Amino acid sequence: MEKYHENKKLQLLLGLVIGIVFGFLLQKGGVTKYDVILAQLRLMDFAVLKIMLTAVIVTMLGISYLYPKGKIQIHPKSGSLKNSVIGGLMFGVGFAILGYCPGTIAGAVGNGYIDGLTGGMIGIIIGSGIFASMYSTLKKKKWIEDDHFSEVSLFQRMKGNSFKYTLPFALVLAGVMAVLEVVGV
């Protein structure tokens, strides 16, 4: 494990490969299309939710298997409830206006959708630049705070076999997806 964690080039390559596969799956699932995102936001088509729940289940079970064996490390970042609420509201407004989230923007650009490039990718770059330039001011004025509510992950707090927690939760999420499929949304 130590050699893998010291090899930054291998980590970047693996991240690139996983990102390309994830983007391909997003595209195949149809969630890089504005109409599909809009239907999700209007609660008419839950394809996006089903894809994201599938990703949560796979990740959760993967971590449950790999973390106790020491095959992966978890590095949660500190944050704050205030930051999360403000960031979530900003994300939600942008998502509702444009119809894309960062992952689906990349997929839309890959599909050649001009709105994904102009409103999405360029918007992310400009917005990130504005935030970076204002960061120290926002920090001084206490708009951004660190209350460290997430310095330890749930996996680090679990005692014993983590599957006793994650497997039932994964089954509940799979049940939710099955109900959505039966209902036809």
C-alpha atoms as a PDB file:
ATOM      1  CA  MET A   1       0.000   0.000   0.000  1.00  0.00           C
ATOM      2  CA  GLU A   2       2.775   2.433   0.823  1.00  0.00           C
ATOM      3  CA  LYS A   3       4.266   2.270  -2.691  1.00  0.00           C
ATOM      4  CA  TYR A   4       0.885   3.044  -4.258  1.00  0.00           C
ATOM      5  CA  HIS A   5       0.302   6.030  -1.983  1.00  0.00           C
ATOM      6  CA  GLU A   6       3.761   7.393  -2.752  1.00  0.00           C
ATOM      7  CA  ASN A   7       3.340   7.073  -6.535  1.00  0.00           C
ATOM      8  CA  LYS A   8       1.538  10.306  -7.483  1.00  0.00           C
ATOM      9  CA  LYS A   9       1.765   9.635 -11.232  1.00  0.00           C
ATOM     10  CA  LEU A  10       0.015   6.283 -10.819  1.00  0.00           C
ATOM     11  CA  GLN A  11      -2.665   7.920  -8.673  1.00  0.00           C
ATOM     12  CA  LEU A  12      -3.253  10.602 -11.324  1.00  0.00           C
ATOM     13  CA  LEU A  13      -3.407   8.007 -14.088  1.00  0.00           C
ATOM     14  CA  LEU A  14      -5.838   5.863 -12.117  1.00  0.00           C
ATOM     15  CA  GLY A  15      -7.957   8.937 -11.358  1.00  0.00           C
ATOM     16  CA  LEU A  16      -8.023   9.828 -15.053  1.00  0.00           C
ATOM     17  CA  VAL A  17      -9.052   6.292 -16.070  1.00  0.00           C
ATOM     18  CA  ILE A  18     -11.781   6.108 -13.412  1.00  0.00           C
ATOM     19  CA  GLY A  19     -13.006   9.583 -14.424  1.00  0.00           C
ATOM     20  CA  ILE A  20     -13.223   8.583 -18.083  1.00  0.00           C
ATOM     21  CA  VAL A  21     -15.124   5.392 -17.198  1.00  0.00           C
ATOM     22  CA  PHE A  22     -17.485   7.350 -14.917  1.00  0.00           C
ATOM     23  CA  GLY A  23     -18.068   9.948 -17.648  1.00  0.00           C
ATOM     24  CA  PHE A  24     -18.732   7.187 -20.187  1.00  0.00           C
ATOM     25  CA  LEU A  25     -21.281   5.621 -17.839  1.00  0.00           C
ATOM     26  CA  LEU A  26     -22.936   9.009 -17.231  1.00  0.00           C
ATOM     27  CA  GLN A  27     -23.191   9.486 -20.989  1.00  0.00           C
ATOM     28  CA  LYS A  28     -24.557   5.960 -21.545  1.00  0.00           C
ATOM     29  CA  GLY A  29     -27.094   6.551 -18.767  1.00  0.00           C
ATOM     30  CA  GLY A  30     -28.277   9.650 -20.609  1.00  0.00           C
ATOM     31  CA  VAL A  31     -27.664  12.034 -17.732  1.00  0.00           C
ATOM     32  CA  THR A  32     -25.448  14.362 -19.746  1.00  0.00           C
ATOM     33  CA  LYS A  33     -28.562  15.619 -21.555  1.00  0.00           C
ATOM     34  CA  TYR A  34     -30.271  18.798 -20.402  1.00  0.00           C
ATOM     35  CA  ASP A  35     -33.757  17.282 -20.789  1.00  0.00           C
ATOM     36  CA  VAL A  36     -32.914  14.350 -18.505  1.00  0.00           C
ATOM     37  CA  ILE A  37     -31.501  16.658 -15.814  1.00  0.00           C
ATOM     38  CA  LEU A  38     -34.517  18.961 -16.098  1.00  0.00           C
ATOM     39  CA  ALA A  39     -36.889  15.975 -15.784  1.00  0.00           C
ATOM     40  CA  GLN A  40     -35.045  14.955 -12.584  1.00  0.00           C
ATOM     41  CA  LEU A  41     -35.314  18.470 -11.158  1.00  0.00           C
ATOM     42  CA  ARG A  42     -39.031  18.465 -12.003  1.00  0.00           C
ATOM     43  CA  LEU A  43     -39.376  15.040 -10.287  1.00  0.00           C
ATOM     44  CA  MET A  44     -40.609  13.416 -13.496  1.00  0.00           C
ATOM     45  CA  ASP A  45     -37.697  11.068 -14.294  1.00  0.00           C
ATOM     46  CA  PHE A  46     -35.396   9.654 -11.645  1.00  0.00           C
ATOM     47  CA  ALA A  47     -32.643   8.300 -13.916  1.00  0.00           C
ATOM     48  CA  VAL A  48     -30.115  10.707 -12.374  1.00  0.00           C
ATOM     49  CA  LEU A  49     -31.036   9.673  -8.836  1.00  0.00           C
ATOM     50  CA  LYS A  50     -30.796   5.974  -9.730  1.00  0.00           C
ATOM     51  CA  ILE A  51     -27.340   6.434 -11.260  1.00  0.00           C
ATOM     52  CA  MET A  52     -26.094   8.407  -8.260  1.00  0.00           C
ATOM     53  CA  LEU A  53     -27.551   5.887  -5.792  1.00  0.00           C
ATOM     54  CA  THR A  54     -25.801   3.114  -7.718  1.00  0.00           C
ATOM     55  CA  ALA A  55     -22.523   5.039  -7.386  1.00  0.00           C
ATOM     56  CA  VAL A  56     -23.136   5.505  -3.633  1.00  0.00           C
ATOM     57  CA  ILE A  57     -23.842   1.787  -3.134  1.00  0.00           C
ATOM     58  CA  VAL A  58     -20.768   0.657  -5.099  1.00  0.00           C
ATOM     59  CA  THR A  59     -18.511   3.165  -3.315  1.00  0.00           C
ATOM     60  CA  MET A  60     -19.905   2.394   0.133  1.00  0.00           C
ATOM     61  CA  LEU A  61     -19.500  -1.359  -0.283  1.00  0.00           C
ATOM     62  CA  GLY A  62     -16.080  -0.921  -1.903  1.00  0.00           C
ATOM     63  CA  ILE A  63     -14.832   1.156   1.026  1.00  0.00           C
ATOM     64  CA  SER A  64     -16.377  -1.349   3.473  1.00  0.00           C
ATOM     65  CA  TYR A  65     -14.310  -4.062   1.861  1.00  0.00           C
ATOM     66  CA  LEU A  66     -11.038  -2.210   1.173  1.00  0.00           C
ATOM     67  CA  TYR A  67     -10.678   0.104   4.202  1.00  0.00           C
ATOM     68  CA  PRO A  68     -10.484  -2.570   6.945  1.00  0.00           C
ATOM     69  CA  LYS A  69      -7.896  -4.478   4.874  1.00  0.00           C
ATOM     70  CA  GLY A  70      -5.693  -1.364   4.706  1.00  0.00           C
ATOM     71  CA  LYS A  71      -5.964  -1.224   0.907  1.00  0.00           C
ATOM     72  CA  ILE A  72      -7.197   2.388   0.905  1.00  0.00           C
ATOM     73  CA  GLN A  73      -6.846   5.402   3.138  1.00  0.00           C
ATOM     74  CA  ILE A  74      -9.615   7.864   3.940  1.00  0.00           C
ATOM     75  CA  HIS A  75      -8.775  11.549   4.226  1.00  0.00           C
ATOM     76  CA  PRO A  76     -11.929  13.488   5.128  1.00  0.00           C
ATOM     77  CA  LYS A  77     -11.632  17.237   4.802  1.00  0.00           C
ATOM     78  CA  SER A  78     -12.828  19.547   7.551  1.00  0.00           C
ATOM     79  CA  GLY A  79     -15.795  21.726   6.831  1.00  0.00           C
ATOM     80  CA  SER A  80     -18.656  23.509   8.448  1.00  0.00           C
ATOM     81  CA  LEU A  81     -22.409  23.335   8.404  1.00  0.00           C
ATOM     82  CA  LYS A  82     -22.562  26.996   7.387  1.00  0.00           C
ATOM     83  CA  ASN A  83     -20.191  26.441   4.450  1.00  0.00           C
ATOM     84  CA  SER A  84     -22.147  23.379   3.372  1.00  0.00           C
ATOM     85  CA  VAL A  85     -25.488  25.186   3.437  1.00  0.00           C
ATOM     86  CA  ILE A  86     -24.181  28.238   1.543  1.00  0.00           C
ATOM     87  CA  GLY A  87     -22.294  26.085  -0.977  1.00  0.00           C
ATOM     88  CA  GLY A  88     -25.276  23.767  -1.409  1.00  0.00           C
ATOM     89  CA  LEU A  89     -27.605  26.675  -2.105  1.00  0.00           C
ATOM     90  CA  MET A  90     -25.181  28.165  -4.640  1.00  0.00           C
ATOM     91  CA  PHE A  91     -24.729  24.755  -6.276  1.00  0.00           C
ATOM     92  CA  GLY A  92     -28.500  24.220  -6.381  1.00  0.00           C
ATOM     93  CA  VAL A  93     -29.163  27.591  -8.017  1.00  0.00           C
ATOM     94  CA  GLY A  94     -26.501  26.963 -10.664  1.00  0.00           C
ATOM     95  CA  PHE A  95     -27.770  23.431 -11.206  1.00  0.00           C
ATOM     96  CA  ALA A  96     -31.362  24.621 -11.614  1.00  0.00           C
ATOM     97  CA  ILE A  97     -30.441  27.464 -13.978  1.00  0.00           C
ATOM     98  CA  LEU A  98     -28.024  25.570 -16.219  1.00  0.00           C
ATOM     99  CA  GLY A  99     -29.382  22.034 -15.854  1.00  0.00           C
ATOM    100  CA  TYR A 100     -25.976  20.463 -15.255  1.00  0.00           C
ATOM    101  CA  CYS A 101     -23.776  19.576 -12.292  1.00  0.00           C
ATOM    102  CA  PRO A 102     -19.961  19.496 -12.642  1.00  0.00           C
ATOM    103  CA  GLY A 103     -19.868  15.818 -13.629  1.00  0.00           C
ATOM    104  CA  THR A 104     -22.608  16.127 -16.205  1.00  0.00           C
ATOM    105  CA  ILE A 105     -21.060  19.341 -17.548  1.00  0.00           C
ATOM    106  CA  ALA A 106     -17.915  17.389 -18.423  1.00  0.00           C
ATOM    107  CA  GLY A 107     -20.063  14.725 -20.078  1.00  0.00           C
ATOM    108  CA  ALA A 108     -22.061  17.362 -21.974  1.00  0.00           C
ATOM    109  CA  VAL A 109     -18.838  18.969 -23.225  1.00  0.00           C
ATOM    110  CA  GLY A 110     -17.648  15.511 -24.281  1.00  0.00           C
ATOM    111  CA  ASN A 111     -20.904  15.094 -26.228  1.00  0.00           C
ATOM    112  CA  GLY A 112     -20.272  18.428 -27.953  1.00  0.00           C
ATOM    113  CA  TYR A 113     -23.125  20.332 -26.279  1.00  0.00           C
ATOM    114  CA  ILE A 114     -22.315  24.037 -26.562  1.00  0.00           C
ATOM    115  CA  ASP A 115     -24.350  24.958 -23.456  1.00  0.00           C
ATOM    116  CA  GLY A 116     -22.201  22.583 -21.405  1.00  0.00           C
ATOM    117  CA  LEU A 117     -19.080  24.346 -22.651  1.00  0.00           C
ATOM    118  CA  THR A 118     -20.199  27.987 -22.533  1.00  0.00           C
ATOM    119  CA  GLY A 119     -22.477  28.079 -19.514  1.00  0.00           C
ATOM    120  CA  GLY A 120     -20.962  25.114 -17.751  1.00  0.00           C
ATOM    121  CA  MET A 121     -17.233  24.703 -18.175  1.00  0.00           C
ATOM    122  CA  ILE A 122     -16.518  28.399 -18.665  1.00  0.00           C
ATOM    123  CA  GLY A 123     -18.874  29.208 -15.779  1.00  0.00           C
ATOM    124  CA  ILE A 124     -16.998  26.819 -13.475  1.00  0.00           C
ATOM    125  CA  ILE A 125     -13.667  28.386 -14.410  1.00  0.00           C
ATOM    126  CA  ILE A 126     -14.929  31.953 -13.899  1.00  0.00           C
ATOM    127  CA  GLY A 127     -16.770  31.061 -10.670  1.00  0.00           C
ATOM    128  CA  SER A 128     -13.728  29.253  -9.272  1.00  0.00           C
ATOM    129  CA  GLY A 129     -11.534  32.231 -10.127  1.00  0.00           C
ATOM    130  CA  ILE A 130     -13.914  34.653  -8.416  1.00  0.00           C
ATOM    131  CA  PHE A 131     -14.099  32.447  -5.324  1.00  0.00           C
ATOM    132  CA  ALA A 132     -10.315  32.029  -5.171  1.00  0.00           C
ATOM    133  CA  SER A 133      -9.782  35.770  -5.477  1.00  0.00           C
ATOM    134  CA  MET A 134     -12.327  36.499  -2.723  1.00  0.00           C
ATOM    135  CA  TYR A 135     -11.372  33.633  -0.409  1.00  0.00           C
ATOM    136  CA  SER A 136      -9.256  35.602   2.068  1.00  0.00           C
ATOM    137  CA  THR A 137     -11.888  38.367   2.301  1.00  0.00           C
ATOM    138  CA  LEU A 138     -14.659  35.837   2.846  1.00  0.00           C
ATOM    139  CA  LYS A 139     -12.571  34.126   5.523  1.00  0.00           C
ATOM    140  CA  LYS A 140     -11.840  37.430   7.328  1.00  0.00           C
ATOM    141  CA  LYS A 141     -15.521  38.393   7.322  1.00  0.00           C
ATOM    142  CA  LYS A 142     -16.444  34.958   8.721  1.00  0.00           C
ATOM    143  CA  TRP A 143     -18.455  33.954   5.651  1.00  0.00           C
ATOM    144  CA  ILE A 144     -16.230  30.880   5.523  1.00  0.00           C
ATOM    145  CA  GLU A 145     -15.520  29.023   8.735  1.00  0.00           C
ATOM    146  CA  ASP A 146     -13.940  25.771   9.830  1.00  0.00           C
ATOM    147  CA  ASP A 147     -15.859  23.984  12.558  1.00  0.00           C
ATOM    148  CA  HIS A 148     -14.338  20.627  11.641  1.00  0.00           C
ATOM    149  CA  PHE A 149     -17.559  18.642  11.716  1.00  0.00           C
ATOM    150  CA  SER A 150     -16.183  16.074   9.307  1.00  0.00           C
ATOM    151  CA  GLU A 151     -12.578  15.428  10.267  1.00  0.00           C
ATOM    152  CA  VAL A 152     -13.380  11.784  10.946  1.00  0.00           C
ATOM    153  CA  SER A 153     -15.382   9.671   8.497  1.00  0.00           C
ATOM    154  CA  LEU A 154     -18.137   7.267   9.473  1.00  0.00           C
ATOM    155  CA  PHE A 155     -15.912   4.397   8.340  1.00  0.00           C
ATOM    156  CA  GLN A 156     -13.261   5.492  10.824  1.00  0.00           C
ATOM    157  CA  ARG A 157     -15.849   5.496  13.629  1.00  0.00           C
ATOM    158  CA  MET A 158     -17.336   2.083  12.884  1.00  0.00           C
ATOM    159  CA  LYS A 159     -16.389  -0.687  15.258  1.00  0.00           C
ATOM    160  CA  GLY A 160     -16.057  -4.208  13.940  1.00  0.00           C
ATOM    161  CA  ASN A 161     -17.182  -5.294  10.498  1.00  0.00           C
ATOM    162  CA  SER A 162     -18.454  -2.235   8.603  1.00  0.00           C
ATOM    163  CA  PHE A 163     -20.635  -4.453   6.399  1.00  0.00           C
ATOM    164  CA  LYS A 164     -23.070  -4.823   9.316  1.00  0.00           C
ATOM    165  CA  TYR A 165     -23.872  -1.122   8.765  1.00  0.00           C
ATOM    166  CA  THR A 166     -23.332  -0.629   5.046  1.00  0.00           C
ATOM    167  CA  LEU A 167     -24.981  -3.782   3.709  1.00  0.00           C
ATOM    168  CA  PRO A 168     -28.431  -3.071   5.219  1.00  0.00           C
ATOM    169  CA  PHE A 169     -28.164   0.558   4.089  1.00  0.00           C
ATOM    170  CA  ALA A 170     -27.181  -0.578   0.577  1.00  0.00           C
ATOM    171  CA  LEU A 171     -30.205  -2.899   0.527  1.00  0.00           C
ATOM    172  CA  VAL A 172     -32.496  -0.025   1.543  1.00  0.00           C
ATOM    173  CA  LEU A 173     -31.067   2.163  -1.249  1.00  0.00           C
ATOM    174  CA  ALA A 174     -31.459  -0.701  -3.736  1.00  0.00           C
ATOM    175  CA  GLY A 175     -35.065  -1.068  -2.531  1.00  0.00           C
ATOM    176  CA  VAL A 176     -35.681   2.632  -3.161  1.00  0.00           C
ATOM    177  CA  MET A 177     -34.326   2.220  -6.694  1.00  0.00           C
ATOM    178  CA  ALA A 178     -36.519  -0.863  -7.243  1.00  0.00           C
ATOM    179  CA  VAL A 179     -39.612   1.054  -6.110  1.00  0.00           C
ATOM    180  CA  LEU A 180     -38.745   3.932  -8.466  1.00  0.00           C
ATOM    181  CA  GLU A 181     -38.365   1.424 -11.297  1.00  0.00           C
ATOM    182  CA  VAL A 182     -41.722  -0.252 -10.546  1.00  0.00           C
ATOM    183  CA  VAL A 183     -43.478   3.105 -10.288  1.00  0.00           C
ATOM    184  CA  GLY A 184     -41.934   3.974 -13.643  1.00  0.00           C
ATOM    185  CA  VAL A 185     -40.088   7.173 -12.863  1.00  0.00           C
END
